[in-house]
Every structure is written in structure tokens, then in C-alpha cells.
Amino acid sequence: MIATKEQERKTLEKIKQMVAELGENSYLAAAFTGAFELAEQNIENDWGLTTQEYIDRAIKADDTEKRINEELAKTKTMLAAVQEAHRATTENFDATQERASKYAHEIDDLKATMNAKETEITILKAKLYDYMTAGK
């Protein structure tokens, strides 16, 4: 025999009444916490969900949350390491740029000195030539 929704509702009310008679501090009242609501939803929605399924889902969700939190912690650690590496790389890059700029200025100064020396050498060569050819 298959029970009707009305029979299910009446039986649920009887069970609720029996548990209520034991008082809210009874062991059965504690065990049935949430179960009556689930039973009502099952009746109204033609579901067959059990409290064990909810417990299993909660345990699975808890395990999933723990795993996710562990992965999150690992990811945060990796992110901190990457950020530190990026900071160090940026500092090294900035220092290298600063040295390159300094060396570029030194090279420019050396080129200017070299040009001045080349000009001076050319002038000295011209004077030497004039000196060598002046008496002829």
C-alpha cells in the first residue's frame, strides 16, 4: 500500500505530538531537530531526501572546504613568494637601469674627451707639419 500525502501529514503530526510530549530537552527532540521540516518538504514536493543525505552533504562540504582552505593557504604562500621575487627583480632592474644610465653618461663623457683629444692631436699634427715644412 502506498500512503497518500494526507496520511503522511497526519502521521507526521502524531509523531510531532509524541516528541513534543517528551519536552524540548529530550533526546528524541534533539534527534528530530530539522527532521520534521525535511519530512514536510518531502511530502509537499514529492521528494525522498533523508537526514543522512544532509549529514553526508555537510561532511562532504566540510571536507571540500578544508581542502579548498588548504589550497588557498598554499596559493597565498606561492603568491607571497612570487611577490617577493617580483619585488627583488624590480629592485635589481632599477639598480641595473641606474648603473646603465651612469655608464651611458660616462661613455658620453669619454666620447667627448676622445673627440677633444682627436682634435688636439689633429692640431698638433698640423703644427708639426707646419714646423717641418717652414724651413724649406
N, C-alpha and C. Protein backbone atom coordinates (compact mmCIF):
# COMPACT_ATOMS: atom_id res chain seq x y z
N MET A 1 0.83 -1.18 0.00
CA MET A 1 0.00 0.00 0.00
C MET A 1 0.88 1.25 0.00
N ILE A 2 0.51 2.21 -0.80
CA ILE A 2 1.22 3.49 -0.87
C ILE A 2 0.42 4.50 -0.07
N ALA A 3 1.10 5.19 0.83
CA ALA A 3 0.44 6.19 1.66
C ALA A 3 0.15 7.44 0.85
N THR A 4 -0.95 8.07 1.15
CA THR A 4 -1.29 9.34 0.50
C THR A 4 -0.57 10.47 1.23
N LYS A 5 -0.53 11.63 0.58
CA LYS A 5 0.09 12.78 1.23
C LYS A 5 -0.66 13.12 2.52
N GLU A 6 -1.95 12.98 2.50
CA GLU A 6 -2.75 13.28 3.70
C GLU A 6 -2.41 12.32 4.84
N GLN A 7 -2.26 11.03 4.52
CA GLN A 7 -1.88 10.06 5.55
C GLN A 7 -0.49 10.39 6.10
N GLU A 8 0.42 10.79 5.20
CA GLU A 8 1.77 11.16 5.62
C GLU A 8 1.71 12.37 6.56
N ARG A 9 0.92 13.37 6.22
CA ARG A 9 0.80 14.57 7.05
C ARG A 9 0.24 14.22 8.43
N LYS A 10 -0.81 13.38 8.48
CA LYS A 10 -1.43 13.00 9.75
C LYS A 10 -0.45 12.23 10.63
N THR A 11 0.28 11.31 10.02
CA THR A 11 1.25 10.52 10.79
C THR A 11 2.38 11.41 11.30
N LEU A 12 2.82 12.35 10.48
CA LEU A 12 3.87 13.28 10.90
C LEU A 12 3.38 14.11 12.09
N GLU A 13 2.15 14.56 12.04
CA GLU A 13 1.61 15.35 13.16
C GLU A 13 1.57 14.51 14.43
N LYS A 14 1.20 13.24 14.33
CA LYS A 14 1.18 12.34 15.50
C LYS A 14 2.59 12.21 16.08
N ILE A 15 3.56 12.01 15.20
CA ILE A 15 4.95 11.86 15.65
C ILE A 15 5.43 13.15 16.31
N LYS A 16 5.10 14.29 15.70
CA LYS A 16 5.48 15.58 16.27
C LYS A 16 4.89 15.73 17.68
N GLN A 17 3.65 15.36 17.80
CA GLN A 17 2.96 15.46 19.09
C GLN A 17 3.64 14.56 20.13
N MET A 18 3.97 13.34 19.73
CA MET A 18 4.60 12.40 20.65
C MET A 18 5.96 12.94 21.12
N VAL A 19 6.73 13.49 20.21
CA VAL A 19 8.04 14.04 20.57
C VAL A 19 7.87 15.28 21.43
N ALA A 20 6.89 16.11 21.10
CA ALA A 20 6.64 17.32 21.88
C ALA A 20 6.27 16.97 23.32
N GLU A 21 5.58 15.90 23.51
CA GLU A 21 5.18 15.47 24.86
C GLU A 21 6.39 15.10 25.71
N LEU A 22 7.48 14.73 25.08
CA LEU A 22 8.70 14.37 25.82
C LEU A 22 9.44 15.62 26.32
N GLY A 23 9.12 16.77 25.78
CA GLY A 23 9.78 18.01 26.18
C GLY A 23 10.91 18.35 25.23
N GLU A 24 11.22 19.64 25.18
CA GLU A 24 12.23 20.09 24.21
C GLU A 24 13.65 19.66 24.56
N ASN A 25 13.88 19.24 25.78
CA ASN A 25 15.21 18.80 26.17
C ASN A 25 15.39 17.28 26.04
N SER A 26 14.42 16.62 25.44
CA SER A 26 14.54 15.16 25.31
C SER A 26 15.52 14.80 24.21
N TYR A 27 16.03 13.58 24.33
CA TYR A 27 16.97 13.09 23.32
C TYR A 27 16.30 12.98 21.96
N LEU A 28 15.05 12.52 21.96
CA LEU A 28 14.34 12.40 20.68
C LEU A 28 14.11 13.77 20.05
N ALA A 29 13.77 14.76 20.88
CA ALA A 29 13.56 16.11 20.34
C ALA A 29 14.85 16.60 19.68
N ALA A 30 15.97 16.32 20.33
CA ALA A 30 17.26 16.73 19.75
C ALA A 30 17.50 15.99 18.44
N ALA A 31 17.23 14.70 18.42
CA ALA A 31 17.48 13.90 17.22
C ALA A 31 16.59 14.31 16.05
N PHE A 32 15.38 14.77 16.37
CA PHE A 32 14.43 15.13 15.31
C PHE A 32 14.54 16.60 14.89
N THR A 33 15.48 17.32 15.44
CA THR A 33 15.65 18.73 15.05
C THR A 33 15.91 18.80 13.55
N GLY A 34 15.08 19.51 12.86
CA GLY A 34 15.20 19.65 11.42
C GLY A 34 14.55 18.53 10.63
N ALA A 35 14.33 17.40 11.26
CA ALA A 35 13.78 16.25 10.54
C ALA A 35 12.31 16.47 10.17
N PHE A 36 11.56 17.11 11.05
CA PHE A 36 10.14 17.35 10.74
C PHE A 36 10.00 18.27 9.53
N GLU A 37 10.85 19.30 9.49
CA GLU A 37 10.80 20.22 8.35
C GLU A 37 11.16 19.49 7.06
N LEU A 38 12.16 18.63 7.14
CA LEU A 38 12.54 17.85 5.98
C LEU A 38 11.41 16.93 5.54
N ALA A 39 10.75 16.30 6.51
CA ALA A 39 9.63 15.42 6.19
C ALA A 39 8.50 16.21 5.51
N GLU A 40 8.23 17.42 6.01
CA GLU A 40 7.19 18.26 5.41
C GLU A 40 7.56 18.62 3.96
N GLN A 41 8.82 18.96 3.74
CA GLN A 41 9.27 19.28 2.38
C GLN A 41 9.16 18.05 1.47
N ASN A 42 9.53 16.90 1.99
CA ASN A 42 9.42 15.67 1.21
C ASN A 42 7.97 15.43 0.79
N ILE A 43 7.05 15.60 1.75
CA ILE A 43 5.62 15.37 1.46
C ILE A 43 5.13 16.36 0.41
N GLU A 44 5.42 17.63 0.62
CA GLU A 44 4.90 18.67 -0.27
C GLU A 44 5.52 18.62 -1.67
N ASN A 45 6.78 18.25 -1.75
CA ASN A 45 7.49 18.31 -3.02
C ASN A 45 7.72 16.94 -3.68
N ASP A 46 7.14 15.91 -3.09
CA ASP A 46 7.33 14.55 -3.59
C ASP A 46 8.82 14.17 -3.65
N TRP A 47 9.51 14.54 -2.61
CA TRP A 47 10.92 14.21 -2.50
C TRP A 47 11.11 13.01 -1.59
N GLY A 48 12.31 12.49 -1.59
CA GLY A 48 12.63 11.39 -0.69
C GLY A 48 13.97 11.62 -0.02
N LEU A 49 14.26 12.89 0.33
CA LEU A 49 15.54 13.20 0.95
C LEU A 49 15.57 12.73 2.39
N THR A 50 16.76 12.25 2.81
CA THR A 50 16.91 11.77 4.18
C THR A 50 17.83 12.69 4.96
N THR A 51 17.73 12.62 6.29
CA THR A 51 18.64 13.40 7.12
C THR A 51 20.07 12.93 6.92
N GLN A 52 20.26 11.64 6.64
CA GLN A 52 21.60 11.12 6.40
C GLN A 52 22.22 11.77 5.17
N GLU A 53 21.39 12.00 4.14
CA GLU A 53 21.91 12.68 2.94
C GLU A 53 22.40 14.08 3.29
N TYR A 54 21.64 14.78 4.15
CA TYR A 54 22.07 16.11 4.58
C TYR A 54 23.36 16.03 5.38
N ILE A 55 23.46 15.04 6.25
CA ILE A 55 24.68 14.86 7.03
C ILE A 55 25.86 14.58 6.10
N ASP A 56 25.65 13.66 5.15
CA ASP A 56 26.71 13.33 4.21
C ASP A 56 27.14 14.55 3.40
N ARG A 57 26.15 15.34 2.97
CA ARG A 57 26.46 16.56 2.21
C ARG A 57 27.26 17.54 3.06
N ALA A 58 26.85 17.66 4.33
CA ALA A 58 27.55 18.58 5.23
C ALA A 58 28.99 18.12 5.45
N ILE A 59 29.18 16.82 5.63
CA ILE A 59 30.53 16.28 5.82
C ILE A 59 31.36 16.51 4.56
N LYS A 60 30.75 16.23 3.42
CA LYS A 60 31.46 16.42 2.15
C LYS A 60 31.79 17.90 1.95
N ALA A 61 30.84 18.76 2.27
CA ALA A 61 31.07 20.20 2.14
C ALA A 61 32.18 20.64 3.09
N ASP A 62 32.20 20.08 4.30
CA ASP A 62 33.24 20.41 5.27
C ASP A 62 34.60 19.96 4.75
N ASP A 63 34.65 18.74 4.22
CA ASP A 63 35.90 18.22 3.66
C ASP A 63 36.35 19.08 2.48
N THR A 64 35.40 19.45 1.64
CA THR A 64 35.71 20.29 0.48
C THR A 64 36.23 21.65 0.95
N GLU A 65 35.58 22.20 1.96
CA GLU A 65 36.01 23.49 2.49
C GLU A 65 37.42 23.40 3.07
N LYS A 66 37.72 22.32 3.78
CA LYS A 66 39.07 22.14 4.32
C LYS A 66 40.09 22.05 3.19
N ARG A 67 39.76 21.27 2.16
CA ARG A 67 40.67 21.12 1.02
C ARG A 67 40.88 22.47 0.31
N ILE A 68 39.79 23.19 0.13
CA ILE A 68 39.88 24.50 -0.52
C ILE A 68 40.72 25.45 0.32
N ASN A 69 40.52 25.42 1.65
CA ASN A 69 41.30 26.30 2.53
C ASN A 69 42.78 25.93 2.50
N GLU A 70 43.08 24.63 2.42
CA GLU A 70 44.48 24.20 2.31
C GLU A 70 45.08 24.70 0.99
N GLU A 71 44.33 24.55 -0.10
CA GLU A 71 44.80 25.03 -1.40
C GLU A 71 44.96 26.54 -1.38
N LEU A 72 44.03 27.22 -0.73
CA LEU A 72 44.11 28.68 -0.63
C LEU A 72 45.36 29.09 0.14
N ALA A 73 45.65 28.39 1.22
CA ALA A 73 46.85 28.69 2.00
C ALA A 73 48.10 28.48 1.16
N LYS A 74 48.14 27.37 0.41
CA LYS A 74 49.29 27.12 -0.47
C LYS A 74 49.42 28.22 -1.52
N THR A 75 48.28 28.60 -2.10
CA THR A 75 48.28 29.63 -3.14
C THR A 75 48.75 30.97 -2.57
N LYS A 76 48.30 31.28 -1.35
CA LYS A 76 48.74 32.53 -0.72
C LYS A 76 50.25 32.51 -0.48
N THR A 77 50.77 31.36 -0.05
CA THR A 77 52.21 31.23 0.17
C THR A 77 52.96 31.42 -1.14
N MET A 78 52.46 30.77 -2.20
CA MET A 78 53.10 30.91 -3.51
C MET A 78 53.02 32.35 -3.99
N LEU A 79 51.87 32.99 -3.79
CA LEU A 79 51.71 34.38 -4.21
C LEU A 79 52.70 35.27 -3.47
N ALA A 80 52.86 35.05 -2.17
CA ALA A 80 53.81 35.85 -1.39
C ALA A 80 55.22 35.66 -1.94
N ALA A 81 55.57 34.42 -2.30
CA ALA A 81 56.91 34.15 -2.86
C ALA A 81 57.07 34.85 -4.21
N VAL A 82 56.04 34.80 -5.04
CA VAL A 82 56.09 35.45 -6.34
C VAL A 82 56.20 36.96 -6.17
N GLN A 83 55.44 37.50 -5.22
CA GLN A 83 55.51 38.94 -4.98
C GLN A 83 56.90 39.35 -4.50
N GLU A 84 57.50 38.53 -3.63
CA GLU A 84 58.85 38.82 -3.14
C GLU A 84 59.85 38.75 -4.29
N ALA A 85 59.71 37.72 -5.13
CA ALA A 85 60.60 37.59 -6.29
C ALA A 85 60.43 38.79 -7.22
N HIS A 86 59.20 39.20 -7.42
CA HIS A 86 58.92 40.36 -8.28
C HIS A 86 59.55 41.62 -7.69
N ARG A 87 59.41 41.78 -6.37
CA ARG A 87 59.99 42.95 -5.71
C ARG A 87 61.51 42.95 -5.89
N ALA A 88 62.12 41.79 -5.66
CA ALA A 88 63.58 41.70 -5.80
C ALA A 88 64.00 41.94 -7.25
N THR A 89 63.26 41.38 -8.19
CA THR A 89 63.57 41.58 -9.60
C THR A 89 63.44 43.04 -9.98
N THR A 90 62.40 43.68 -9.47
CA THR A 90 62.19 45.10 -9.76
C THR A 90 63.33 45.93 -9.19
N GLU A 91 63.74 45.61 -7.96
CA GLU A 91 64.86 46.34 -7.36
C GLU A 91 66.13 46.13 -8.19
N ASN A 92 66.38 44.88 -8.60
CA ASN A 92 67.56 44.60 -9.43
C ASN A 92 67.48 45.33 -10.75
N PHE A 93 66.30 45.34 -11.35
CA PHE A 93 66.11 46.04 -12.62
C PHE A 93 66.37 47.53 -12.45
N ASP A 94 65.81 48.10 -11.40
CA ASP A 94 66.00 49.54 -11.15
C ASP A 94 67.48 49.85 -10.94
N ALA A 95 68.17 48.99 -10.16
CA ALA A 95 69.60 49.21 -9.92
C ALA A 95 70.39 49.09 -11.23
N THR A 96 70.03 48.11 -12.05
CA THR A 96 70.70 47.93 -13.35
C THR A 96 70.45 49.12 -14.25
N GLN A 97 69.24 49.63 -14.25
CA GLN A 97 68.93 50.82 -15.07
C GLN A 97 69.75 52.01 -14.60
N GLU A 98 69.85 52.14 -13.28
CA GLU A 98 70.61 53.26 -12.72
C GLU A 98 72.09 53.16 -13.13
N ARG A 99 72.66 51.93 -13.03
CA ARG A 99 74.06 51.74 -13.44
C ARG A 99 74.21 51.99 -14.94
N ALA A 100 73.28 51.51 -15.73
CA ALA A 100 73.35 51.70 -17.19
C ALA A 100 73.31 53.19 -17.52
N SER A 101 72.46 53.93 -16.82
CA SER A 101 72.38 55.37 -17.06
C SER A 101 73.71 56.05 -16.69
N LYS A 102 74.28 55.63 -15.54
CA LYS A 102 75.56 56.18 -15.10
C LYS A 102 76.65 55.87 -16.13
N TYR A 103 76.67 54.61 -16.60
CA TYR A 103 77.67 54.22 -17.59
C TYR A 103 77.45 54.95 -18.91
N ALA A 104 76.21 55.20 -19.27
CA ALA A 104 75.92 55.94 -20.51
C ALA A 104 76.50 57.34 -20.41
N HIS A 105 76.34 57.98 -19.23
CA HIS A 105 76.91 59.32 -19.04
C HIS A 105 78.43 59.26 -19.09
N GLU A 106 79.03 58.24 -18.48
CA GLU A 106 80.48 58.10 -18.51
C GLU A 106 80.97 57.89 -19.94
N ILE A 107 80.23 57.08 -20.71
CA ILE A 107 80.59 56.85 -22.11
C ILE A 107 80.50 58.15 -22.89
N ASP A 108 79.42 58.92 -22.65
CA ASP A 108 79.29 60.22 -23.33
C ASP A 108 80.46 61.14 -22.97
N ASP A 109 80.84 61.14 -21.68
CA ASP A 109 81.98 61.97 -21.25
C ASP A 109 83.26 61.50 -21.92
N LEU A 110 83.47 60.17 -21.99
CA LEU A 110 84.67 59.62 -22.62
C LEU A 110 84.71 59.96 -24.11
N LYS A 111 83.55 59.89 -24.77
CA LYS A 111 83.49 60.25 -26.20
C LYS A 111 83.85 61.71 -26.39
N ALA A 112 83.32 62.56 -25.52
CA ALA A 112 83.64 63.99 -25.63
C ALA A 112 85.14 64.23 -25.42
N THR A 113 85.70 63.51 -24.41
CA THR A 113 87.14 63.63 -24.15
C THR A 113 87.93 63.12 -25.35
N MET A 114 87.51 61.99 -25.91
CA MET A 114 88.19 61.41 -27.07
C MET A 114 88.13 62.36 -28.25
N ASN A 115 86.98 62.97 -28.50
CA ASN A 115 86.85 63.93 -29.60
C ASN A 115 87.78 65.13 -29.38
N ALA A 116 87.83 65.59 -28.13
CA ALA A 116 88.70 66.73 -27.83
C ALA A 116 90.16 66.34 -28.05
N LYS A 117 90.53 65.12 -27.63
CA LYS A 117 91.91 64.64 -27.83
C LYS A 117 92.23 64.47 -29.31
N GLU A 118 91.26 63.97 -30.07
CA GLU A 118 91.46 63.81 -31.52
C GLU A 118 91.68 65.18 -32.17
N THR A 119 90.91 66.14 -31.73
CA THR A 119 91.05 67.50 -32.26
C THR A 119 92.43 68.04 -31.88
N GLU A 120 92.81 67.82 -30.63
CA GLU A 120 94.12 68.29 -30.17
C GLU A 120 95.24 67.61 -30.95
N ILE A 121 95.10 66.30 -31.22
CA ILE A 121 96.10 65.57 -32.00
C ILE A 121 96.17 66.13 -33.41
N THR A 122 95.01 66.42 -34.01
CA THR A 122 94.99 66.97 -35.36
C THR A 122 95.69 68.32 -35.39
N ILE A 123 95.43 69.15 -34.37
CA ILE A 123 96.07 70.47 -34.30
C ILE A 123 97.58 70.31 -34.15
N LEU A 124 97.99 69.37 -33.26
CA LEU A 124 99.42 69.15 -33.05
C LEU A 124 100.09 68.62 -34.32
N LYS A 125 99.39 67.75 -35.06
CA LYS A 125 99.93 67.24 -36.32
C LYS A 125 100.11 68.38 -37.32
N ALA A 126 99.10 69.26 -37.34
CA ALA A 126 99.19 70.40 -38.27
C ALA A 126 100.36 71.30 -37.89
N LYS A 127 100.56 71.56 -36.58
CA LYS A 127 101.67 72.40 -36.13
C LYS A 127 103.00 71.73 -36.47
N LEU A 128 103.05 70.41 -36.26
CA LEU A 128 104.27 69.67 -36.58
C LEU A 128 104.58 69.76 -38.06
N TYR A 129 103.55 69.60 -38.87
CA TYR A 129 103.73 69.69 -40.32
C TYR A 129 104.22 71.09 -40.70
N ASP A 130 103.57 72.11 -40.09
CA ASP A 130 103.99 73.49 -40.38
C ASP A 130 105.45 73.70 -39.92
N TYR A 131 105.81 73.17 -38.80
CA TYR A 131 107.17 73.31 -38.28
C TYR A 131 108.17 72.61 -39.19
N MET A 132 107.77 71.41 -39.68
CA MET A 132 108.68 70.65 -40.52
C MET A 132 108.82 71.31 -41.91
N THR A 133 107.80 71.94 -42.38
CA THR A 133 107.84 72.50 -43.72
C THR A 133 108.18 73.98 -43.72
N ALA A 134 108.33 74.60 -42.61
CA ALA A 134 108.60 76.05 -42.51
C ALA A 134 110.01 76.39 -42.99
N GLY A 135 110.95 75.60 -42.80
CA GLY A 135 112.31 75.90 -43.17
C GLY A 135 112.62 75.49 -44.59
N LYS A 136 111.81 75.02 -45.36
CA LYS A 136 112.13 74.55 -46.69
C LYS A 136 111.92 75.58 -47.71
